[in-house]
Protein backbone atom coordinates (compact mmCIF):
# COMPACT_ATOMS: atom_id res chain seq x y z
CA MET A 1 -3.87 8.55 -2.94
CA GLN A 2 -6.81 6.46 -2.97
CA THR A 3 -9.60 7.01 -0.31
CA GLN A 4 -12.04 4.41 0.41
CA PRO A 5 -14.86 4.66 2.80
CA ALA A 6 -14.54 1.31 4.90
CA GLN A 7 -17.22 -1.19 3.60
CA ARG A 8 -17.57 -2.58 7.33
CA ALA A 9 -19.04 0.45 8.82
CA ALA A 10 -22.34 0.05 7.03
CA SER A 11 -22.48 -3.47 7.38
CA THR A 12 -21.78 -3.70 11.11
CA PRO A 13 -23.93 -1.14 13.13
CA GLY A 14 -22.35 0.37 16.07
CA ARG A 15 -18.76 0.48 14.74
CA PRO A 16 -17.38 3.95 13.90
CA PRO A 17 -16.73 4.72 10.47
CA SER A 18 -13.15 4.46 9.19
CA LEU A 19 -11.24 5.47 6.08
CA ASN A 20 -8.71 3.55 4.06
CA GLU A 21 -6.05 6.07 2.91
CA ARG A 22 -3.78 4.02 0.78
CA GLN A 23 -0.98 4.58 -1.60
CA PRO A 24 -0.28 1.35 -3.53
CA GLY A 25 3.34 0.95 -4.04
CA ALA A 26 4.33 3.91 -1.70
CA ALA A 27 7.30 3.84 0.80
CA ALA A 28 7.23 4.99 4.42
CA ARG A 29 8.36 8.33 3.57
CA PRO A 30 6.58 10.79 5.83
CA PRO A 31 6.24 14.41 5.75
CA ARG A 32 4.58 15.85 2.42
CA ALA A 33 1.53 14.07 2.50
CA PHE A 34 1.28 12.12 5.67
CA LEU A 35 -0.06 14.73 8.36
CA PRO A 36 -2.11 16.42 9.15
CA PRO A 37 -4.86 14.85 7.18
CA PRO A 38 -7.82 16.93 6.28
CA LEU A 39 -10.09 14.71 8.37
CA LYS A 40 -8.08 15.00 11.59
CA PRO A 41 -8.26 11.38 12.80
CA ALA A 42 -8.19 10.49 16.43
CA ALA A 43 -5.73 7.65 15.43
CA VAL A 44 -3.84 6.33 12.47
CA VAL A 45 -2.68 2.95 11.50
CA ILE A 46 0.63 2.74 9.76
CA LEU A 47 1.13 -0.35 7.76
CA ALA A 48 4.41 0.36 5.88
CA GLY A 49 7.85 -0.92 5.29
CA THR A 50 7.54 -3.75 2.94
CA ASN A 51 8.17 -1.45 -0.24
CA ASP A 52 11.13 0.31 1.53
CA ILE A 53 12.67 -2.98 2.13
CA ALA A 54 12.13 -3.96 -1.47
CA GLY A 55 13.65 -0.78 -2.57
CA ASN A 56 10.62 0.21 -4.70
CA THR A 57 11.53 4.00 -4.49
CA GLY A 58 15.27 3.45 -4.29
CA PRO A 59 17.79 1.72 -1.90
CA MET A 60 16.74 2.34 1.84
CA THR A 61 18.55 0.99 4.97
CA LEU A 62 16.68 -0.34 7.83
CA GLU A 63 17.80 2.80 9.58
CA MET A 64 16.42 5.12 7.20
CA ILE A 65 13.10 3.21 7.38
CA GLN A 66 13.20 3.47 11.21
CA ASP A 67 13.82 7.23 10.94
CA ASN A 68 10.88 7.59 8.62
CA PHE A 69 8.68 5.73 11.19
CA ALA A 70 9.83 7.76 13.90
CA THR A 71 9.16 11.03 11.99
CA MET A 72 5.62 9.84 11.09
CA ALA A 73 5.08 9.13 14.95
CA GLU A 74 6.37 12.60 16.16
CA LEU A 75 3.99 14.33 13.37
CA ALA A 76 1.03 12.52 14.52
CA ALA A 77 1.80 13.32 18.17
CA ALA A 78 2.32 16.83 17.28
CA HIS A 79 -1.20 17.09 15.99
CA GLY A 80 -2.86 15.02 18.72
CA ILE A 81 -3.23 12.10 16.67
CA ARG A 82 -2.53 8.50 18.15
CA PHE A 83 -0.18 6.37 16.34
CA VAL A 84 -0.57 2.70 15.81
CA ILE A 85 2.46 1.18 14.34
CA ALA A 86 1.70 -2.26 12.55
CA SER A 87 4.26 -4.75 11.74
CA VAL A 88 5.52 -5.38 8.13
CA LEU A 89 3.64 -8.46 6.89
CA PRO A 90 5.71 -11.55 6.27
CA ILE A 91 5.91 -12.85 2.60
CA HIS A 92 6.00 -16.25 1.18
CA ASP A 93 7.43 -17.65 -2.24
CA ALA A 94 4.50 -19.87 -3.09
CA GLY A 95 2.69 -17.12 -4.81
CA ARG A 96 1.72 -16.69 -8.49
CA GLY A 97 1.65 -13.56 -10.45
CA ALA A 98 -1.38 -12.66 -13.00
CA ASP A 99 0.67 -14.57 -15.56
CA GLY A 100 0.63 -17.58 -13.61
CA ASN A 101 4.39 -17.53 -12.99
CA PRO A 102 5.94 -18.10 -9.47
CA VAL A 103 6.35 -14.91 -7.62
CA ILE A 104 9.58 -15.09 -5.31
CA GLN A 105 9.02 -12.38 -2.88
CA SER A 106 11.96 -13.00 -0.66
CA LYS A 107 14.59 -11.76 -3.35
CA ARG A 108 13.58 -8.20 -2.77
CA ARG A 109 11.82 -8.88 0.89
CA PRO A 110 14.24 -11.01 2.72
CA PRO A 111 12.39 -12.40 5.79
CA GLU A 112 15.37 -11.59 8.02
CA LYS A 113 15.11 -7.86 7.20
CA ILE A 114 11.31 -7.80 7.93
CA THR A 115 12.00 -9.80 11.16
CA ALA A 116 14.71 -7.02 12.18
CA LEU A 117 12.39 -4.16 11.09
CA ASN A 118 9.54 -5.71 13.14
CA ALA A 119 11.56 -6.06 16.34
CA TRP A 120 12.68 -2.44 15.97
CA LEU A 121 9.03 -1.31 15.45
CA ALA A 122 7.79 -3.34 18.43
CA ASP A 123 10.45 -1.76 20.67
CA TYR A 124 10.06 1.82 19.38
CA ALA A 125 6.26 1.69 19.87
CA LYS A 126 6.88 0.46 23.60
CA ARG A 127 9.62 3.12 24.15
CA ALA A 128 7.46 5.98 22.61
CA GLY A 129 4.25 5.22 24.04
CA HIS A 130 2.42 4.03 20.88
CA VAL A 131 0.48 1.15 19.97
CA TYR A 132 2.15 -1.92 18.22
CA LEU A 133 -0.04 -3.98 15.87
CA ASP A 134 1.39 -7.41 15.31
CA TYR A 135 -0.03 -8.53 12.15
CA ALA A 136 3.05 -10.75 11.65
CA SER A 137 2.52 -13.29 14.22
CA ALA A 138 -0.95 -13.75 13.50
CA LEU A 139 -0.08 -14.12 9.56
CA ALA A 140 3.13 -16.22 10.01
CA ASP A 141 3.37 -19.99 9.55
CA ALA A 142 5.99 -22.06 11.82
CA GLN A 143 8.69 -20.96 9.59
CA GLY A 144 7.99 -17.02 10.05
CA LEU A 145 6.72 -16.84 6.67
CA LEU A 146 3.13 -15.60 5.43
CA LYS A 147 0.81 -18.53 5.50
CA ALA A 148 0.42 -19.26 1.76
CA ASP A 149 -3.51 -19.39 1.96
CA LEU A 150 -3.56 -15.71 3.25
CA ALA A 151 -2.03 -14.09 0.09
CA ASP A 152 -2.01 -15.44 -3.47
CA ASP A 153 0.89 -13.40 -4.58
CA GLY A 154 2.91 -14.12 -1.58
CA LEU A 155 2.65 -10.27 -0.53
CA HIS A 156 -0.99 -8.69 -0.49
CA PRO A 157 -3.48 -10.33 1.78
CA ASN A 158 -6.37 -11.87 0.24
CA LEU A 159 -9.90 -11.78 1.80
CA LYS A 160 -8.86 -14.54 4.24
CA GLY A 161 -5.86 -12.59 5.29
CA TYR A 162 -7.82 -9.31 5.81
CA ALA A 163 -10.39 -11.37 7.83
CA VAL A 164 -7.34 -12.27 10.19
CA MET A 165 -6.16 -8.64 10.22
CA ALA A 166 -9.35 -6.55 10.65
CA PRO A 167 -10.04 -7.59 14.27
CA LEU A 168 -6.53 -7.12 15.25
CA ALA A 169 -6.55 -3.47 13.84
CA GLU A 170 -9.81 -2.71 15.61
CA GLN A 171 -8.35 -3.80 19.05
CA ALA A 172 -5.12 -1.73 18.21
CA ILE A 173 -7.19 1.34 17.54
CA GLN A 174 -9.17 0.69 20.71
CA GLN A 175 -6.22 0.53 22.69
CA ALA A 176 -4.76 3.69 21.07
CA LEU A 177 -7.88 5.75 21.66
CA ARG A 178 -7.84 4.67 25.27
CA LYS A 179 -4.10 6.06 25.54
CA ARG A 180 -4.09 9.64 26.96
């Protein structure tokens, strides 16, 4: 696991520090390393699911992914941590890999599966009293695909993509912290 202090805390006085715990290529499989984290955050944002849809750690049904999100949310609640569920990011097929060849993300991450999981995540967040962070709507084009200028490889946001995402995350965290 990689831990990176958020760069924005130093550059924007008045904002609370945050931590970026990330597991590149990881899936939304909860219990072991998920909670309780040693820093005991007041809130946690979970952006996961794309690698599960792609089968990076083996085949997973949408129901299995949904169960994992529910388990993470229950663990967060049990430890007094407010839970923000981020939508799975859309993808596009206009990206290029490091070798310059086209990268077709939709083969392993069908947009209809992303849409179905996001619909469930939004509904689950509402039913369970969590905050839903809708990155997908902000990042998608008219066809529901990731805007090509927001990710060079069709999957991972670039700086422009993160510039769209950052204020949405800030708003969602603040909303979660206001919940009792």
